[in-house]
């Protein structure tokens, strides 16, 4: 069945675009946590591991913080439901984040 008067070729192109968009979104979903963990500085605070999103990891330049900022915006925009983990910000220092798997109590 054709929709809105589109030809079969147009529908196939739309389905391919939807598939490509879904694939691109899944890749982005998978990459954002790694972007933060690899580009932000790891800190231990009270026995817990956090990523300092305001300080680049050792050996990374200032461009690393641009990657982190983009990843944080993406996570905030997509929301918690999109990921198998939660990103939790430190109560007293919001630039410090940690990832917690949803299966872990």
N, C-alpha and C. Protein backbone atom coordinates (compact mmCIF):
# COMPACT_ATOMS: atom_id res chain seq x y z
N UNK A 1 0.84 -1.18 0.00
CA UNK A 1 0.00 0.00 0.00
C UNK A 1 0.89 1.24 0.00
N UNK A 2 0.62 2.15 -0.89
CA UNK A 2 1.39 3.38 -0.98
C UNK A 2 0.75 4.44 -0.08
N UNK A 3 1.60 5.26 0.52
CA UNK A 3 1.15 6.27 1.45
C UNK A 3 1.39 7.65 0.85
N UNK A 4 0.46 8.56 1.04
CA UNK A 4 0.58 9.94 0.58
C UNK A 4 0.97 10.05 -0.89
N UNK A 5 0.59 9.10 -1.70
CA UNK A 5 0.85 9.16 -3.12
C UNK A 5 2.31 8.91 -3.49
N UNK A 6 3.09 8.34 -2.60
CA UNK A 6 4.50 8.08 -2.89
C UNK A 6 4.62 6.79 -3.69
N UNK A 7 5.61 6.77 -4.56
CA UNK A 7 5.85 5.56 -5.33
C UNK A 7 6.55 4.53 -4.46
N UNK A 8 6.60 3.31 -4.95
CA UNK A 8 7.28 2.23 -4.22
C UNK A 8 8.75 2.58 -4.02
N UNK A 9 9.39 3.18 -5.01
CA UNK A 9 10.80 3.57 -4.88
C UNK A 9 10.98 4.63 -3.79
N UNK A 10 10.03 5.57 -3.72
CA UNK A 10 10.11 6.62 -2.70
C UNK A 10 9.94 6.02 -1.30
N UNK A 11 9.05 5.05 -1.19
CA UNK A 11 8.84 4.40 0.11
C UNK A 11 10.08 3.61 0.51
N UNK A 12 10.70 2.92 -0.42
CA UNK A 12 11.93 2.18 -0.12
C UNK A 12 13.02 3.13 0.35
N UNK A 13 13.16 4.28 -0.30
CA UNK A 13 14.15 5.27 0.12
C UNK A 13 13.85 5.79 1.52
N UNK A 14 12.57 6.01 1.82
CA UNK A 14 12.19 6.47 3.16
C UNK A 14 12.51 5.41 4.21
N UNK A 15 12.23 4.15 3.89
CA UNK A 15 12.53 3.07 4.84
C UNK A 15 14.03 2.94 5.04
N UNK A 16 14.81 3.07 3.98
CA UNK A 16 16.26 3.01 4.10
C UNK A 16 16.77 4.17 4.94
N UNK A 17 16.19 5.35 4.76
CA UNK A 17 16.60 6.51 5.55
C UNK A 17 16.26 6.30 7.02
N UNK A 18 15.06 5.73 7.29
CA UNK A 18 14.68 5.43 8.67
C UNK A 18 15.64 4.43 9.29
N UNK A 19 16.02 3.41 8.52
CA UNK A 19 16.96 2.41 9.01
C UNK A 19 18.32 3.04 9.27
N UNK A 20 18.77 3.89 8.37
CA UNK A 20 20.05 4.56 8.55
C UNK A 20 20.01 5.48 9.77
N UNK A 21 18.91 6.22 9.93
CA UNK A 21 18.78 7.09 11.10
C UNK A 21 18.77 6.28 12.39
N UNK A 22 18.08 5.16 12.39
CA UNK A 22 18.06 4.31 13.59
C UNK A 22 19.45 3.76 13.88
N UNK A 23 20.16 3.36 12.84
CA UNK A 23 21.52 2.84 13.02
C UNK A 23 22.44 3.95 13.54
N UNK A 24 22.34 5.13 12.98
CA UNK A 24 23.17 6.25 13.42
C UNK A 24 22.88 6.59 14.88
N UNK A 25 21.62 6.56 15.25
CA UNK A 25 21.26 6.86 16.64
C UNK A 25 21.81 5.80 17.58
N UNK A 26 21.76 4.53 17.17
CA UNK A 26 22.28 3.44 18.01
C UNK A 26 23.80 3.58 18.18
N UNK A 27 24.49 3.93 17.11
CA UNK A 27 25.94 4.14 17.18
C UNK A 27 26.25 5.29 18.14
N UNK A 28 25.50 6.37 18.02
CA UNK A 28 25.70 7.51 18.92
C UNK A 28 25.41 7.12 20.37
N UNK A 29 24.33 6.36 20.59
CA UNK A 29 24.01 5.90 21.94
C UNK A 29 25.16 5.08 22.53
N UNK A 30 25.75 4.24 21.70
CA UNK A 30 26.84 3.38 22.18
C UNK A 30 28.12 4.17 22.43
N UNK A 31 28.33 5.25 21.70
CA UNK A 31 29.61 5.97 21.75
C UNK A 31 29.69 7.03 22.85
N UNK A 32 28.58 7.58 23.30
CA UNK A 32 28.66 8.74 24.19
C UNK A 32 29.33 8.44 25.52
N UNK A 33 29.05 7.30 26.08
CA UNK A 33 29.68 6.95 27.37
C UNK A 33 31.19 6.84 27.20
N UNK A 34 31.62 6.17 26.15
CA UNK A 34 33.05 6.02 25.89
C UNK A 34 33.69 7.38 25.62
N UNK A 35 32.99 8.27 24.92
CA UNK A 35 33.52 9.61 24.67
C UNK A 35 33.85 10.32 25.98
N UNK A 36 32.97 10.19 26.96
CA UNK A 36 33.19 10.84 28.25
C UNK A 36 34.29 10.13 29.03
N UNK A 37 34.24 8.81 29.07
CA UNK A 37 35.22 8.06 29.86
C UNK A 37 36.64 8.19 29.29
N UNK A 38 36.77 8.30 28.00
CA UNK A 38 38.10 8.39 27.39
C UNK A 38 38.66 9.81 27.36
N UNK A 39 37.80 10.80 27.38
CA UNK A 39 38.26 12.18 27.21
C UNK A 39 38.25 13.01 28.49
N UNK A 40 37.47 12.60 29.50
CA UNK A 40 37.47 13.30 30.78
C UNK A 40 38.46 12.64 31.74
N UNK A 41 38.90 13.40 32.71
CA UNK A 41 39.87 12.90 33.68
C UNK A 41 39.18 12.03 34.72
N UNK A 42 39.73 10.86 34.98
CA UNK A 42 39.20 9.95 35.99
C UNK A 42 39.68 10.41 37.36
N UNK A 43 38.75 10.51 38.31
CA UNK A 43 39.09 10.86 39.68
C UNK A 43 38.42 9.88 40.63
N UNK A 44 39.11 9.62 41.74
CA UNK A 44 38.52 8.81 42.81
C UNK A 44 38.13 9.74 43.94
N UNK A 45 36.89 9.62 44.37
CA UNK A 45 36.38 10.48 45.43
C UNK A 45 35.61 9.60 46.40
N UNK A 46 36.09 9.56 47.62
CA UNK A 46 35.45 8.74 48.66
C UNK A 46 35.27 7.30 48.21
N UNK A 47 36.29 6.77 47.51
CA UNK A 47 36.25 5.38 47.08
C UNK A 47 35.40 5.12 45.85
N UNK A 48 34.88 6.15 45.24
CA UNK A 48 34.07 5.98 44.04
C UNK A 48 34.78 6.61 42.85
N UNK A 49 34.58 6.01 41.68
CA UNK A 49 35.20 6.49 40.45
C UNK A 49 34.27 7.46 39.75
N UNK A 50 34.79 8.64 39.45
CA UNK A 50 34.05 9.66 38.71
C UNK A 50 34.88 10.10 37.51
N UNK A 51 34.20 10.69 36.56
CA UNK A 51 34.85 11.32 35.42
C UNK A 51 34.66 12.82 35.59
N UNK A 52 35.76 13.55 35.59
CA UNK A 52 35.70 15.01 35.66
C UNK A 52 35.50 15.52 34.24
N UNK A 53 34.29 15.98 33.96
CA UNK A 53 33.95 16.41 32.61
C UNK A 53 34.47 17.81 32.30
N UNK A 54 35.08 18.46 33.28
CA UNK A 54 35.63 19.79 33.07
C UNK A 54 37.14 19.79 32.91
N UNK A 55 37.75 18.60 33.00
CA UNK A 55 39.20 18.48 32.88
C UNK A 55 39.52 17.36 31.91
N UNK A 56 40.33 17.63 30.90
CA UNK A 56 40.65 16.55 29.95
C UNK A 56 41.53 15.47 30.59
N UNK A 57 41.38 14.27 30.11
CA UNK A 57 42.24 13.17 30.55
C UNK A 57 43.68 13.50 30.22
N UNK A 58 44.59 12.95 31.01
CA UNK A 58 46.01 13.20 30.77
C UNK A 58 46.37 12.82 29.34
N UNK A 59 47.06 13.71 28.68
CA UNK A 59 47.47 13.48 27.30
C UNK A 59 46.47 14.00 26.28
N UNK A 60 45.30 14.41 26.74
CA UNK A 60 44.29 14.98 25.84
C UNK A 60 44.35 16.49 25.88
N UNK A 61 44.09 17.11 24.76
CA UNK A 61 44.07 18.56 24.68
C UNK A 61 42.68 19.11 24.93
N UNK A 62 42.51 20.42 24.76
CA UNK A 62 41.23 21.06 25.01
C UNK A 62 40.10 20.56 24.11
N UNK A 63 40.46 20.02 22.95
CA UNK A 63 39.41 19.48 22.06
C UNK A 63 38.68 18.31 22.71
N UNK A 64 39.33 17.64 23.65
CA UNK A 64 38.69 16.54 24.36
C UNK A 64 37.46 17.01 25.12
N UNK A 65 37.54 18.21 25.68
CA UNK A 65 36.40 18.74 26.42
C UNK A 65 35.23 19.07 25.51
N UNK A 66 35.50 19.41 24.25
CA UNK A 66 34.42 19.62 23.29
C UNK A 66 33.69 18.31 23.02
N UNK A 67 34.44 17.22 22.94
CA UNK A 67 33.84 15.90 22.74
C UNK A 67 32.97 15.54 23.95
N UNK A 68 33.50 15.79 25.14
CA UNK A 68 32.76 15.51 26.37
C UNK A 68 31.49 16.34 26.44
N UNK A 69 31.59 17.61 26.14
CA UNK A 69 30.42 18.49 26.19
C UNK A 69 29.34 18.03 25.21
N UNK A 70 29.74 17.66 24.02
CA UNK A 70 28.77 17.16 23.02
C UNK A 70 28.11 15.88 23.53
N UNK A 71 28.89 15.00 24.12
CA UNK A 71 28.33 13.74 24.65
C UNK A 71 27.36 14.02 25.79
N UNK A 72 27.70 14.94 26.68
CA UNK A 72 26.79 15.28 27.78
C UNK A 72 25.47 15.85 27.25
N UNK A 73 25.55 16.72 26.26
CA UNK A 73 24.33 17.28 25.66
C UNK A 73 23.47 16.17 25.05
N UNK A 74 24.11 15.23 24.38
CA UNK A 74 23.38 14.13 23.76
C UNK A 74 22.67 13.29 24.83
N UNK A 75 23.40 12.94 25.88
CA UNK A 75 22.80 12.13 26.95
C UNK A 75 21.64 12.87 27.59
N UNK A 76 21.82 14.14 27.90
CA UNK A 76 20.74 14.92 28.51
C UNK A 76 19.53 15.02 27.60
N UNK A 77 19.77 15.15 26.29
CA UNK A 77 18.67 15.25 25.33
C UNK A 77 17.93 13.93 25.16
N UNK A 78 18.67 12.83 25.08
CA UNK A 78 18.05 11.51 24.89
C UNK A 78 17.32 11.03 26.14
N UNK A 79 17.82 11.35 27.31
CA UNK A 79 17.17 10.93 28.55
C UNK A 79 17.62 9.55 29.00
N UNK A 80 17.38 9.26 30.26
CA UNK A 80 17.82 8.02 30.89
C UNK A 80 17.26 6.75 30.24
N UNK A 81 16.04 6.83 29.74
CA UNK A 81 15.39 5.63 29.21
C UNK A 81 16.11 5.06 27.99
N UNK A 82 16.90 5.85 27.31
CA UNK A 82 17.55 5.41 26.07
C UNK A 82 18.77 4.52 26.32
N UNK A 83 19.25 4.48 27.54
CA UNK A 83 20.53 3.82 27.80
C UNK A 83 20.38 2.70 28.84
N UNK A 84 21.29 1.68 28.79
CA UNK A 84 21.25 0.60 29.78
C UNK A 84 21.97 1.00 31.07
N UNK A 85 22.29 2.28 31.21
CA UNK A 85 23.00 2.80 32.38
C UNK A 85 22.44 4.17 32.71
N UNK A 86 22.75 4.63 33.89
CA UNK A 86 22.39 5.98 34.31
C UNK A 86 23.65 6.80 34.44
N UNK A 87 23.58 8.05 34.05
CA UNK A 87 24.68 8.96 34.31
C UNK A 87 24.28 9.78 35.54
N UNK A 88 25.08 9.63 36.58
CA UNK A 88 24.78 10.34 37.83
C UNK A 88 25.84 11.42 38.06
N UNK A 89 25.38 12.61 38.38
CA UNK A 89 26.29 13.72 38.69
C UNK A 89 26.52 13.77 40.20
N UNK A 90 27.74 14.11 40.58
CA UNK A 90 28.06 14.26 41.99
C UNK A 90 27.26 15.44 42.55
N UNK A 91 26.68 15.25 43.72
CA UNK A 91 25.80 16.25 44.32
C UNK A 91 26.53 17.59 44.55
N UNK A 92 27.77 17.54 44.99
CA UNK A 92 28.49 18.77 45.32
C UNK A 92 29.36 19.29 44.18
N UNK A 93 29.55 18.48 43.16
CA UNK A 93 30.40 18.87 42.03
C UNK A 93 29.80 18.31 40.75
N UNK A 94 28.84 19.02 40.12
CA UNK A 94 28.12 18.48 38.97
C UNK A 94 28.98 18.16 37.76
N UNK A 95 30.21 18.67 37.70
CA UNK A 95 31.10 18.31 36.58
C UNK A 95 31.62 16.89 36.73
N UNK A 96 31.47 16.31 37.92
CA UNK A 96 31.88 14.92 38.14
C UNK A 96 30.69 14.01 37.87
N UNK A 97 30.88 13.06 36.96
CA UNK A 97 29.80 12.12 36.63
C UNK A 97 30.30 10.69 36.79
N UNK A 98 29.37 9.81 37.00
CA UNK A 98 29.70 8.38 37.00
C UNK A 98 28.56 7.64 36.32
N UNK A 99 28.90 6.50 35.76
CA UNK A 99 27.92 5.68 35.06
C UNK A 99 27.61 4.45 35.91
N UNK A 100 26.32 4.18 36.05
CA UNK A 100 25.88 3.06 36.86
C UNK A 100 24.95 2.22 36.00
N UNK A 101 25.28 0.93 35.88
CA UNK A 101 24.42 0.04 35.11
C UNK A 101 23.06 -0.07 35.79
N UNK A 102 22.01 -0.06 35.02
CA UNK A 102 20.65 -0.10 35.57
C UNK A 102 20.37 -1.42 36.28
N UNK A 103 21.07 -2.49 35.91
CA UNK A 103 20.86 -3.77 36.56
C UNK A 103 21.45 -3.80 37.96
N UNK A 104 22.41 -2.90 38.24
CA UNK A 104 23.06 -2.86 39.54
C UNK A 104 22.18 -2.07 40.52
N UNK A 105 21.88 -2.66 41.68
CA UNK A 105 21.03 -1.93 42.65
C UNK A 105 21.71 -0.70 43.22
